[in-house]
Amino acid sequence: MLMTLRLVPDIYLAQCSPMFLSATPKRSCLQHLSDYPPVKFLLTNDDGIEAPGLASLYESLRRHLTSDDSVIVVAPDQCRSECGHSVTTGRSLTLTPRPDVATLVEEQRSQQGFPNKATNGHSTIPSQWYSIDGTPVDCIRVALATMASDVDAVFSGINAGANLGACLLVSGTFAAAREAAFQGLPAMAVSQLRHPDVPQNWDHAPEWLQSIIATFKRNLDDTTSQKRLWNVNLPALAESTPIPPTIQCDVDQNPIPRRVELGALHSEKSSAGNPVRFELDFHGRPHAKDTDIHHCFRGAITVSHLRATAG
C-alpha cells in the first residue's frame, strides 16, 4: 500500500519557527526504568531504510525500552548522505510501509542472539517501519505531521562515517535531529567514524551507547536548549576494544581544507563541460584541542550539546 502526501512549502516554514523551541514537556523525568510512563521514539537516518547502522541504532534503543514503549522508523528509501537540511517541495512524497525491513531486522537480531523480550521481561516492543522517497528532514516532517505526532524524542543514525566539526553543515543525519529539535523535541544524532585500517562493524554500538542513551532518556524533560540536541560520534576502534571513554566537548569550528583539481579545458566550440574535483584529507584535517574531532580521532566517544536554533 502506498500513501501519497502533498506537503505545502508554507507549512515547512511554519514548522521551522522559533515558537516550536518552547514546546511543553510531555512526560515526567523519573530515575528508574520501571517508573517511566510509556514512551514513543522516532528513528531515521540518511543512509537509507536498509542501512545496517539504522538497525544497530534500533537495537541500541531497544535495550532501554519496556513492552509499553514503542518505536516508529521513518527513513529515506535510499542513501541520501550529505544532503544537509534539504527538503522536497516540488513534488509529492510517497510514504511506504516496510514490514519486510522490520522482519529482516528481527531475524538478524535472533541470529545474533539478541534478547527478544523487552527490559521488563514482557512481550516484544511494538515497532513500525516506513520509507519515504525524500530526505531525512522530509522523513521527520512527514512523521511528525502524520503518524508520529506524539513521539517523545527522535534518534538519527547510526551514520556510516563521523559527523564532526564542519561536517555538521552537510550531514543529513544531523539535519534530521536538528529538525526535530526545531520542533521542540529532544533529539540525538549518532555517527560512527570510519578508518581504512579498521573494519566497519556495528555490533559494539549498543554497548558503547548504553550509558549515553540512558542519560538522554532520563533527561527528556530538560528544556534547556543546550541539552535538547545531542551529536554523538563513536571512534573507529577494533570490535574487541573495551568500551572507550565518553567525553562531552564542543564541536570544532575549523573549515576543512580542500584541494581543487580542474580537468583539461575543452575547446570553446565544445559542448562538454570541464570536470572539477575536490579532494580533502579527512583524518589529517586541522582541529582545535579538546573538540569533538580531537577526542574522537584519539579513540573517545564524543557527545556535543548544541542549540536548537537556525542561527
C-alpha atoms as a PDB file:
ATOM      1  CA  MET A   1       0.000   0.000   0.000  1.00  0.00           C
ATOM      2  CA  LEU A   2       1.332   3.444  -0.928  1.00  0.00           C
ATOM      3  CA  MET A   3       0.280   6.699   0.675  1.00  0.00           C
ATOM      4  CA  THR A   4       0.966   9.864  -1.294  1.00  0.00           C
ATOM      5  CA  LEU A   5       1.403  13.045   0.713  1.00  0.00           C
ATOM      6  CA  ARG A   6       1.456  16.521  -0.747  1.00  0.00           C
ATOM      7  CA  LEU A   7       3.391  18.832   1.521  1.00  0.00           C
ATOM      8  CA  VAL A   8       2.899  22.578   1.328  1.00  0.00           C
ATOM      9  CA  PRO A   9       6.108  24.678   1.402  1.00  0.00           C
ATOM     10  CA  ASP A  10       4.432  27.277   3.691  1.00  0.00           C
ATOM     11  CA  ILE A  11       3.952  24.572   6.292  1.00  0.00           C
ATOM     12  CA  TYR A  12       7.673  23.870   6.133  1.00  0.00           C
ATOM     13  CA  LEU A  13       8.390  27.495   7.009  1.00  0.00           C
ATOM     14  CA  ALA A  14       5.938  27.424   9.898  1.00  0.00           C
ATOM     15  CA  GLN A  15       7.494  24.275  11.313  1.00  0.00           C
ATOM     16  CA  CYS A  16      10.912  25.949  11.490  1.00  0.00           C
ATOM     17  CA  SER A  17       9.557  28.870  13.502  1.00  0.00           C
ATOM     18  CA  PRO A  18      11.259  29.575  16.869  1.00  0.00           C
ATOM     19  CA  MET A  19       7.865  29.107  18.544  1.00  0.00           C
ATOM     20  CA  PHE A  20       8.464  25.367  18.389  1.00  0.00           C
ATOM     21  CA  LEU A  21      11.520  25.662  20.626  1.00  0.00           C
ATOM     22  CA  SER A  22       9.433  26.167  23.763  1.00  0.00           C
ATOM     23  CA  ALA A  23       7.273  23.062  23.438  1.00  0.00           C
ATOM     24  CA  THR A  24       5.773  21.782  26.702  1.00  0.00           C
ATOM     25  CA  PRO A  25       7.409  18.587  28.030  1.00  0.00           C
ATOM     26  CA  LYS A  26       5.227  15.524  27.539  1.00  0.00           C
ATOM     27  CA  ARG A  27       6.346  13.324  30.392  1.00  0.00           C
ATOM     28  CA  SER A  28       7.923  13.231  33.821  1.00  0.00           C
ATOM     29  CA  CYS A  29      11.624  12.540  34.250  1.00  0.00           C
ATOM     30  CA  LEU A  30      11.954   9.637  36.687  1.00  0.00           C
ATOM     31  CA  GLN A  31      15.085   7.888  37.846  1.00  0.00           C
ATOM     32  CA  HIS A  32      14.185   4.227  37.439  1.00  0.00           C
ATOM     33  CA  LEU A  33      13.298   2.490  34.192  1.00  0.00           C
ATOM     34  CA  SER A  34      10.358   0.700  35.797  1.00  0.00           C
ATOM     35  CA  ASP A  35       8.872   4.059  36.837  1.00  0.00           C
ATOM     36  CA  TYR A  36       8.786   5.514  33.323  1.00  0.00           C
ATOM     37  CA  PRO A  37       5.432   6.134  31.688  1.00  0.00           C
ATOM     38  CA  PRO A  38       5.218   4.676  28.150  1.00  0.00           C
ATOM     39  CA  VAL A  39       7.396   6.484  25.635  1.00  0.00           C
ATOM     40  CA  LYS A  40       7.440   6.579  21.845  1.00  0.00           C
ATOM     41  CA  PHE A  41      10.588   7.164  19.822  1.00  0.00           C
ATOM     42  CA  LEU A  42      11.059   8.122  16.175  1.00  0.00           C
ATOM     43  CA  LEU A  43      14.127   6.799  14.325  1.00  0.00           C
ATOM     44  CA  THR A  44      15.580   7.905  10.999  1.00  0.00           C
ATOM     45  CA  ASN A  45      18.919   8.192   9.163  1.00  0.00           C
ATOM     46  CA  ASP A  46      20.424   9.409   5.894  1.00  0.00           C
ATOM     47  CA  ASP A  47      21.935   6.109   4.693  1.00  0.00           C
ATOM     48  CA  GLY A  48      18.540   4.603   3.888  1.00  0.00           C
ATOM     49  CA  ILE A  49      15.941   2.322   5.447  1.00  0.00           C
ATOM     50  CA  GLU A  50      18.011  -0.838   4.837  1.00  0.00           C
ATOM     51  CA  ALA A  51      21.296   0.506   6.216  1.00  0.00           C
ATOM     52  CA  PRO A  52      22.921  -1.637   8.944  1.00  0.00           C
ATOM     53  CA  GLY A  53      23.591   1.462  11.035  1.00  0.00           C
ATOM     54  CA  LEU A  54      19.856   2.072  11.397  1.00  0.00           C
ATOM     55  CA  ALA A  55      19.311  -1.499  12.582  1.00  0.00           C
ATOM     56  CA  SER A  56      22.157  -1.016  15.071  1.00  0.00           C
ATOM     57  CA  LEU A  57      20.564   2.172  16.405  1.00  0.00           C
ATOM     58  CA  TYR A  58      17.246   0.343  16.755  1.00  0.00           C
ATOM     59  CA  GLU A  59      18.955  -2.404  18.770  1.00  0.00           C
ATOM     60  CA  SER A  60      20.767   0.185  20.892  1.00  0.00           C
ATOM     61  CA  LEU A  61      17.479   1.854  21.779  1.00  0.00           C
ATOM     62  CA  ARG A  62      15.533  -1.382  22.293  1.00  0.00           C
ATOM     63  CA  ARG A  63      17.686  -2.291  25.254  1.00  0.00           C
ATOM     64  CA  HIS A  64      16.301   0.698  27.151  1.00  0.00           C
ATOM     65  CA  LEU A  65      12.596   0.144  26.482  1.00  0.00           C
ATOM     66  CA  THR A  66       9.804  -1.797  28.099  1.00  0.00           C
ATOM     67  CA  SER A  67       6.927  -3.547  26.350  1.00  0.00           C
ATOM     68  CA  ASP A  68       4.781  -0.453  26.993  1.00  0.00           C
ATOM     69  CA  ASP A  69       7.098   1.684  24.869  1.00  0.00           C
ATOM     70  CA  SER A  70       7.062   1.824  21.074  1.00  0.00           C
ATOM     71  CA  VAL A  71       9.325   2.723  18.154  1.00  0.00           C
ATOM     72  CA  ILE A  72       8.456   4.082  14.732  1.00  0.00           C
ATOM     73  CA  VAL A  73      11.078   4.169  11.981  1.00  0.00           C
ATOM     74  CA  VAL A  74      10.688   6.582   9.063  1.00  0.00           C
ATOM     75  CA  ALA A  75      13.791   6.685   6.868  1.00  0.00           C
ATOM     76  CA  PRO A  76      14.753   7.515   3.266  1.00  0.00           C
ATOM     77  CA  ASP A  77      14.095   4.799   0.697  1.00  0.00           C
ATOM     78  CA  GLN A  78      17.734   5.055  -0.460  1.00  0.00           C
ATOM     79  CA  CYS A  79      21.003   6.622   0.619  1.00  0.00           C
ATOM     80  CA  ARG A  80      20.692  10.411   0.967  1.00  0.00           C
ATOM     81  CA  SER A  81      24.086  11.028   2.519  1.00  0.00           C
ATOM     82  CA  GLU A  82      25.433  14.599   2.681  1.00  0.00           C
ATOM     83  CA  CYS A  83      22.107  16.166   1.760  1.00  0.00           C
ATOM     84  CA  GLY A  84      22.164  18.555   4.722  1.00  0.00           C
ATOM     85  CA  HIS A  85      18.878  20.193   5.700  1.00  0.00           C
ATOM     86  CA  SER A  86      17.407  19.968   2.204  1.00  0.00           C
ATOM     87  CA  VAL A  87      13.691  19.284   1.753  1.00  0.00           C
ATOM     88  CA  THR A  88      11.387  18.276  -1.103  1.00  0.00           C
ATOM     89  CA  THR A  89       8.874  20.945  -2.167  1.00  0.00           C
ATOM     90  CA  GLY A  90       8.261  20.461  -5.912  1.00  0.00           C
ATOM     91  CA  ARG A  91       6.508  17.092  -5.836  1.00  0.00           C
ATOM     92  CA  SER A  92       4.539  14.717  -3.664  1.00  0.00           C
ATOM     93  CA  LEU A  93       6.331  12.384  -1.283  1.00  0.00           C
ATOM     94  CA  THR A  94       5.475   8.690  -1.104  1.00  0.00           C
ATOM     95  CA  LEU A  95       5.294   7.013   2.299  1.00  0.00           C
ATOM     96  CA  THR A  96       5.651   3.229   2.043  1.00  0.00           C
ATOM     97  CA  PRO A  97       5.150   0.698   4.864  1.00  0.00           C
ATOM     98  CA  ARG A  98       8.230  -1.568   5.101  1.00  0.00           C
ATOM     99  CA  PRO A  99       7.292  -4.672   7.108  1.00  0.00           C
ATOM    100  CA  ASP A 100       9.924  -6.527   5.077  1.00  0.00           C
ATOM    101  CA  VAL A 101      12.689  -4.488   6.700  1.00  0.00           C
ATOM    102  CA  ALA A 102      11.147  -4.936  10.144  1.00  0.00           C
ATOM    103  CA  THR A 103      11.056  -8.705   9.631  1.00  0.00           C
ATOM    104  CA  LEU A 104      14.645  -8.791   8.372  1.00  0.00           C
ATOM    105  CA  VAL A 105      15.889  -6.771  11.345  1.00  0.00           C
ATOM    106  CA  GLU A 106      14.163  -9.116  13.811  1.00  0.00           C
ATOM    107  CA  GLU A 107      15.588 -12.175  12.028  1.00  0.00           C
ATOM    108  CA  GLN A 108      19.082 -10.710  12.207  1.00  0.00           C
ATOM    109  CA  ARG A 109      18.612  -9.918  15.893  1.00  0.00           C
ATOM    110  CA  SER A 110      17.619 -13.521  16.532  1.00  0.00           C
ATOM    111  CA  GLN A 111      20.634 -14.843  14.609  1.00  0.00           C
ATOM    112  CA  GLN A 112      22.954 -12.625  16.651  1.00  0.00           C
ATOM    113  CA  GLY A 113      21.437 -13.842  19.902  1.00  0.00           C
ATOM    114  CA  PHE A 114      19.945 -10.515  20.966  1.00  0.00           C
ATOM    115  CA  PRO A 115      17.113 -10.743  23.523  1.00  0.00           C
ATOM    116  CA  ASN A 116      13.624 -10.828  22.018  1.00  0.00           C
ATOM    117  CA  LYS A 117      11.849  -9.515  25.109  1.00  0.00           C
ATOM    118  CA  ALA A 118      11.701  -6.001  26.476  1.00  0.00           C
ATOM    119  CA  THR A 119      13.632  -4.911  29.555  1.00  0.00           C
ATOM    120  CA  ASN A 120      10.680  -5.699  31.812  1.00  0.00           C
ATOM    121  CA  GLY A 121      10.623  -9.292  30.548  1.00  0.00           C
ATOM    122  CA  HIS A 122       7.260  -8.977  28.838  1.00  0.00           C
ATOM    123  CA  SER A 123       6.297  -9.137  25.171  1.00  0.00           C
ATOM    124  CA  THR A 124       8.338  -7.637  22.356  1.00  0.00           C
ATOM    125  CA  ILE A 125       8.415  -3.898  21.744  1.00  0.00           C
ATOM    126  CA  PRO A 126       5.950  -2.640  19.092  1.00  0.00           C
ATOM    127  CA  SER A 127       7.669  -1.113  16.071  1.00  0.00           C
ATOM    128  CA  GLN A 128       6.562   0.240  12.705  1.00  0.00           C
ATOM    129  CA  TRP A 129       8.866   0.759   9.719  1.00  0.00           C
ATOM    130  CA  TYR A 130       8.290   3.133   6.788  1.00  0.00           C
ATOM    131  CA  SER A 131      10.352   4.565   3.949  1.00  0.00           C
ATOM    132  CA  ILE A 132       9.953   7.900   2.167  1.00  0.00           C
ATOM    133  CA  ASP A 133      11.311   8.897  -1.236  1.00  0.00           C
ATOM    134  CA  GLY A 134      12.804  12.054   0.221  1.00  0.00           C
ATOM    135  CA  THR A 135      15.465  13.449   2.510  1.00  0.00           C
ATOM    136  CA  PRO A 136      15.996  12.799   6.230  1.00  0.00           C
ATOM    137  CA  VAL A 137      14.366  16.131   7.065  1.00  0.00           C
ATOM    138  CA  ASP A 138      11.413  15.136   4.864  1.00  0.00           C
ATOM    139  CA  CYS A 139      11.143  11.980   6.971  1.00  0.00           C
ATOM    140  CA  ILE A 140      10.994  13.959  10.213  1.00  0.00           C
ATOM    141  CA  ARG A 141       8.440  16.451   8.893  1.00  0.00           C
ATOM    142  CA  VAL A 142       6.161  13.798   7.422  1.00  0.00           C
ATOM    143  CA  ALA A 143       6.368  11.592  10.518  1.00  0.00           C
ATOM    144  CA  LEU A 144       5.651  14.402  12.974  1.00  0.00           C
ATOM    145  CA  ALA A 145       2.807  15.711  10.836  1.00  0.00           C
ATOM    146  CA  THR A 146       1.111  12.325  10.421  1.00  0.00           C
ATOM    147  CA  MET A 147       1.648   9.019  12.206  1.00  0.00           C
ATOM    148  CA  ALA A 148       4.198  10.127  14.827  1.00  0.00           C
ATOM    149  CA  SER A 149       2.879  13.432  16.140  1.00  0.00           C
ATOM    150  CA  ASP A 150       3.031  12.109  19.718  1.00  0.00           C
ATOM    151  CA  VAL A 151       6.655  10.933  19.865  1.00  0.00           C
ATOM    152  CA  ASP A 152       8.750  11.847  22.901  1.00  0.00           C
ATOM    153  CA  ALA A 153      12.158  12.033  21.201  1.00  0.00           C
ATOM    154  CA  VAL A 154      13.979  11.456  17.921  1.00  0.00           C
ATOM    155  CA  PHE A 155      17.136   9.451  17.132  1.00  0.00           C
ATOM    156  CA  SER A 156      19.022   9.691  13.829  1.00  0.00           C
ATOM    157  CA  GLY A 157      21.774   7.305  12.668  1.00  0.00           C
ATOM    158  CA  ILE A 158      23.927   5.435  13.073  1.00  0.00           C
ATOM    159  CA  ASN A 159      25.712   7.139  10.208  1.00  0.00           C
ATOM    160  CA  ALA A 160      28.426   5.256   8.333  1.00  0.00           C
ATOM    161  CA  GLY A 161      31.067   7.919   8.860  1.00  0.00           C
ATOM    162  CA  ALA A 162      31.727  10.526  11.528  1.00  0.00           C
ATOM    163  CA  ASN A 163      29.897  13.837  11.655  1.00  0.00           C
ATOM    164  CA  LEU A 164      32.415  16.062  13.378  1.00  0.00           C
ATOM    165  CA  GLY A 165      33.155  19.758  13.167  1.00  0.00           C
ATOM    166  CA  ALA A 166      32.183  21.392   9.880  1.00  0.00           C
ATOM    167  CA  CYS A 167      30.677  18.085   8.684  1.00  0.00           C
ATOM    168  CA  LEU A 168      27.517  19.024  10.589  1.00  0.00           C
ATOM    169  CA  LEU A 169      26.756  21.599   7.908  1.00  0.00           C
ATOM    170  CA  VAL A 170      26.226  18.911   5.247  1.00  0.00           C
ATOM    171  CA  SER A 171      25.174  15.915   7.329  1.00  0.00           C
ATOM    172  CA  GLY A 172      21.693  14.570   6.637  1.00  0.00           C
ATOM    173  CA  THR A 173      21.948  12.530   9.844  1.00  0.00           C
ATOM    174  CA  PHE A 174      22.471  15.611  11.982  1.00  0.00           C
ATOM    175  CA  ALA A 175      19.949  17.660   9.989  1.00  0.00           C
ATOM    176  CA  ALA A 176      17.185  15.205  10.875  1.00  0.00           C
ATOM    177  CA  ALA A 177      17.956  15.574  14.585  1.00  0.00           C
ATOM    178  CA  ARG A 178      18.182  19.347  14.226  1.00  0.00           C
ATOM    179  CA  GLU A 179      14.776  19.463  12.507  1.00  0.00           C
ATOM    180  CA  ALA A 180      13.256  17.526  15.396  1.00  0.00           C
ATOM    181  CA  ALA A 181      14.849  19.947  17.858  1.00  0.00           C
ATOM    182  CA  PHE A 182      13.464  22.874  15.854  1.00  0.00           C
ATOM    183  CA  GLN A 183      10.050  21.373  16.513  1.00  0.00           C
ATOM    184  CA  GLY A 184      10.600  21.167  20.254  1.00  0.00           C
ATOM    185  CA  LEU A 185      11.661  17.529  20.627  1.00  0.00           C
ATOM    186  CA  PRO A 186      14.771  16.117  22.291  1.00  0.00           C
ATOM    187  CA  ALA A 187      16.921  14.651  19.530  1.00  0.00           C
ATOM    188  CA  MET A 188      20.167  12.731  19.169  1.00  0.00           C
ATOM    189  CA  ALA A 189      22.299  12.158  16.064  1.00  0.00           C
ATOM    190  CA  VAL A 190      24.750   9.242  16.208  1.00  0.00           C
ATOM    191  CA  SER A 191      27.607   8.585  13.785  1.00  0.00           C
ATOM    192  CA  GLN A 192      30.453   6.064  13.527  1.00  0.00           C
ATOM    193  CA  LEU A 193      33.932   7.202  12.476  1.00  0.00           C
ATOM    194  CA  ARG A 194      35.449   5.181   9.646  1.00  0.00           C
ATOM    195  CA  HIS A 195      39.135   4.462   9.157  1.00  0.00           C
ATOM    196  CA  PRO A 196      40.759   2.477   6.332  1.00  0.00           C
ATOM    197  CA  ASP A 197      42.680   0.362   8.862  1.00  0.00           C
ATOM    198  CA  VAL A 198      39.605  -0.591  10.947  1.00  0.00           C
ATOM    199  CA  PRO A 199      36.870  -2.866   9.525  1.00  0.00           C
ATOM    200  CA  GLN A 200      33.369  -1.376   9.754  1.00  0.00           C
ATOM    201  CA  ASN A 201      31.331  -3.151  12.406  1.00  0.00           C
ATOM    202  CA  TRP A 202      28.057  -2.306  14.150  1.00  0.00           C
ATOM    203  CA  ASP A 203      27.829  -4.985  16.854  1.00  0.00           C
ATOM    204  CA  HIS A 204      29.572  -2.916  19.519  1.00  0.00           C
ATOM    205  CA  ALA A 205      27.268   0.121  19.230  1.00  0.00           C
ATOM    206  CA  PRO A 206      24.563  -0.998  21.710  1.00  0.00           C
ATOM    207  CA  GLU A 207      27.133  -1.411  24.494  1.00  0.00           C
ATOM    208  CA  TRP A 208      29.049   1.753  23.631  1.00  0.00           C
ATOM    209  CA  LEU A 209      25.835   3.808  23.582  1.00  0.00           C
ATOM    210  CA  GLN A 210      24.244   2.264  26.665  1.00  0.00           C
ATOM    211  CA  SER A 211      25.120   4.918  29.239  1.00  0.00           C
ATOM    212  CA  ILE A 212      24.614   7.772  26.745  1.00  0.00           C
ATOM    213  CA  ILE A 213      21.097   6.688  25.798  1.00  0.00           C
ATOM    214  CA  ALA A 214      20.261   6.050  29.469  1.00  0.00           C
ATOM    215  CA  THR A 215      21.323   9.595  30.370  1.00  0.00           C
ATOM    216  CA  PHE A 216      19.451  11.052  27.396  1.00  0.00           C
ATOM    217  CA  LYS A 217      16.308   9.116  28.314  1.00  0.00           C
ATOM    218  CA  ARG A 218      16.447  10.290  31.944  1.00  0.00           C
ATOM    219  CA  ASN A 219      16.614  13.907  30.796  1.00  0.00           C
ATOM    220  CA  LEU A 220      13.800  14.022  28.258  1.00  0.00           C
ATOM    221  CA  ASP A 221      12.132  16.849  30.157  1.00  0.00           C
ATOM    222  CA  ASP A 222      15.210  19.084  30.256  1.00  0.00           C
ATOM    223  CA  THR A 223      14.022  22.016  28.136  1.00  0.00           C
ATOM    224  CA  THR A 224      17.319  23.939  28.146  1.00  0.00           C
ATOM    225  CA  SER A 225      18.464  24.423  24.567  1.00  0.00           C
ATOM    226  CA  GLN A 226      21.957  23.091  25.277  1.00  0.00           C
ATOM    227  CA  LYS A 227      20.604  19.633  26.143  1.00  0.00           C
ATOM    228  CA  ARG A 228      17.818  19.193  23.599  1.00  0.00           C
ATOM    229  CA  LEU A 229      20.080  18.427  20.635  1.00  0.00           C
ATOM    230  CA  TRP A 230      22.895  15.909  21.026  1.00  0.00           C
ATOM    231  CA  ASN A 231      25.544  14.962  18.492  1.00  0.00           C
ATOM    232  CA  VAL A 232      27.325  11.691  19.297  1.00  0.00           C
ATOM    233  CA  ASN A 233      30.288  10.185  17.470  1.00  0.00           C
ATOM    234  CA  LEU A 234      31.779   6.727  18.006  1.00  0.00           C
ATOM    235  CA  PRO A 235      35.517   6.253  17.326  1.00  0.00           C
ATOM    236  CA  ALA A 236      36.962   3.808  14.795  1.00  0.00           C
ATOM    237  CA  LEU A 237      38.330   1.048  17.024  1.00  0.00           C
ATOM    238  CA  ALA A 238      38.566  -2.721  16.747  1.00  0.00           C
ATOM    239  CA  GLU A 239      35.432  -4.584  17.812  1.00  0.00           C
ATOM    240  CA  SER A 240      37.285  -6.261  20.688  1.00  0.00           C
ATOM    241  CA  THR A 241      38.282  -2.897  22.204  1.00  0.00           C
ATOM    242  CA  PRO A 242      36.826  -2.214  25.675  1.00  0.00           C
ATOM    243  CA  ILE A 243      34.162   0.486  25.849  1.00  0.00           C
ATOM    244  CA  PRO A 244      36.013   3.751  25.187  1.00  0.00           C
ATOM    245  CA  PRO A 245      35.658   6.797  27.435  1.00  0.00           C
ATOM    246  CA  THR A 246      32.852   9.260  26.747  1.00  0.00           C
ATOM    247  CA  ILE A 247      33.835  12.929  26.606  1.00  0.00           C
ATOM    248  CA  GLN A 248      31.459  15.876  26.412  1.00  0.00           C
ATOM    249  CA  CYS A 249      33.014  18.536  24.219  1.00  0.00           C
ATOM    250  CA  ASP A 250      32.367  21.368  21.796  1.00  0.00           C
ATOM    251  CA  VAL A 251      32.110  20.997  18.043  1.00  0.00           C
ATOM    252  CA  ASP A 252      35.290  22.018  16.220  1.00  0.00           C
ATOM    253  CA  GLN A 253      34.915  25.261  14.241  1.00  0.00           C
ATOM    254  CA  ASN A 254      37.743  24.868  11.715  1.00  0.00           C
ATOM    255  CA  PRO A 255      36.919  24.616   7.996  1.00  0.00           C
ATOM    256  CA  ILE A 256      38.110  21.539   6.091  1.00  0.00           C
ATOM    257  CA  PRO A 257      40.899  22.414   3.622  1.00  0.00           C
ATOM    258  CA  ARG A 258      40.155  21.195   0.101  1.00  0.00           C
ATOM    259  CA  ARG A 259      42.356  20.848  -2.953  1.00  0.00           C
ATOM    260  CA  VAL A 260      40.694  21.615  -6.262  1.00  0.00           C
ATOM    261  CA  GLU A 261      41.527  19.652  -9.394  1.00  0.00           C
ATOM    262  CA  LEU A 262      40.305  21.174 -12.630  1.00  0.00           C
ATOM    263  CA  GLY A 263      40.160  18.884 -15.627  1.00  0.00           C
ATOM    264  CA  ALA A 264      41.534  19.696 -19.049  1.00  0.00           C
ATOM    265  CA  LEU A 265      39.825  22.667 -20.668  1.00  0.00           C
ATOM    266  CA  HIS A 266      37.758  21.852 -23.734  1.00  0.00           C
ATOM    267  CA  SER A 267      37.526  23.923 -26.853  1.00  0.00           C
ATOM    268  CA  GLU A 268      35.152  26.874 -26.718  1.00  0.00           C
ATOM    269  CA  LYS A 269      33.245  25.163 -29.514  1.00  0.00           C
ATOM    270  CA  SER A 270      32.798  22.009 -27.450  1.00  0.00           C
ATOM    271  CA  SER A 271      29.572  21.458 -25.531  1.00  0.00           C
ATOM    272  CA  ALA A 272      31.362  19.320 -22.927  1.00  0.00           C
ATOM    273  CA  GLY A 273      31.904  20.843 -19.506  1.00  0.00           C
ATOM    274  CA  ASN A 274      35.119  20.974 -17.525  1.00  0.00           C
ATOM    275  CA  PRO A 275      35.364  18.387 -14.720  1.00  0.00           C
ATOM    276  CA  VAL A 276      36.124  19.793 -11.263  1.00  0.00           C
ATOM    277  CA  ARG A 277      37.099  17.569  -8.339  1.00  0.00           C
ATOM    278  CA  PHE A 278      37.626  18.411  -4.663  1.00  0.00           C
ATOM    279  CA  GLU A 279      39.973  16.330  -2.520  1.00  0.00           C
ATOM    280  CA  LEU A 280      40.469  16.549   1.230  1.00  0.00           C
ATOM    281  CA  ASP A 281      42.324  14.760   3.990  1.00  0.00           C
ATOM    282  CA  PHE A 282      39.513  13.923   6.421  1.00  0.00           C
ATOM    283  CA  HIS A 283      41.713  12.314   9.062  1.00  0.00           C
ATOM    284  CA  GLY A 284      44.514  14.864   8.703  1.00  0.00           C
ATOM    285  CA  ARG A 285      42.298  17.948   8.917  1.00  0.00           C
ATOM    286  CA  PRO A 286      43.324  20.735  11.292  1.00  0.00           C
ATOM    287  CA  HIS A 287      41.335  20.979  14.506  1.00  0.00           C
ATOM    288  CA  ALA A 288      41.392  22.609  17.900  1.00  0.00           C
ATOM    289  CA  LYS A 289      42.343  20.799  21.086  1.00  0.00           C
ATOM    290  CA  ASP A 290      39.559  19.373  23.283  1.00  0.00           C
ATOM    291  CA  THR A 291      36.953  19.495  20.498  1.00  0.00           C
ATOM    292  CA  ASP A 292      34.914  16.634  19.037  1.00  0.00           C
ATOM    293  CA  ILE A 293      37.452  15.958  16.272  1.00  0.00           C
ATOM    294  CA  HIS A 294      40.362  15.963  18.714  1.00  0.00           C
ATOM    295  CA  HIS A 295      38.814  13.427  21.065  1.00  0.00           C
ATOM    296  CA  CYS A 296      37.082  11.132  18.553  1.00  0.00           C
ATOM    297  CA  PHE A 297      40.228  10.809  16.440  1.00  0.00           C
ATOM    298  CA  ARG A 298      42.045   9.766  19.614  1.00  0.00           C
ATOM    299  CA  GLY A 299      39.616   6.972  20.439  1.00  0.00           C
ATOM    300  CA  ALA A 300      36.918   8.544  22.611  1.00  0.00           C
ATOM    301  CA  ILE A 301      33.150   8.673  22.225  1.00  0.00           C
ATOM    302  CA  THR A 302      32.195  12.326  21.902  1.00  0.00           C
ATOM    303  CA  VAL A 303      28.949  13.977  22.976  1.00  0.00           C
ATOM    304  CA  SER A 304      28.214  17.561  21.974  1.00  0.00           C
ATOM    305  CA  HIS A 305      25.171  19.555  23.133  1.00  0.00           C
ATOM    306  CA  LEU A 306      24.024  22.106  20.589  1.00  0.00           C
ATOM    307  CA  ARG A 307      21.456  24.878  20.433  1.00  0.00           C
ATOM    308  CA  ALA A 308      18.255  24.064  18.591  1.00  0.00           C
ATOM    309  CA  THR A 309      18.255  27.253  16.548  1.00  0.00           C
ATOM    310  CA  ALA A 310      18.640  28.122  12.888  1.00  0.00           C
ATOM    311  CA  GLY A 311      21.341  30.694  13.513  1.00  0.00           C
END
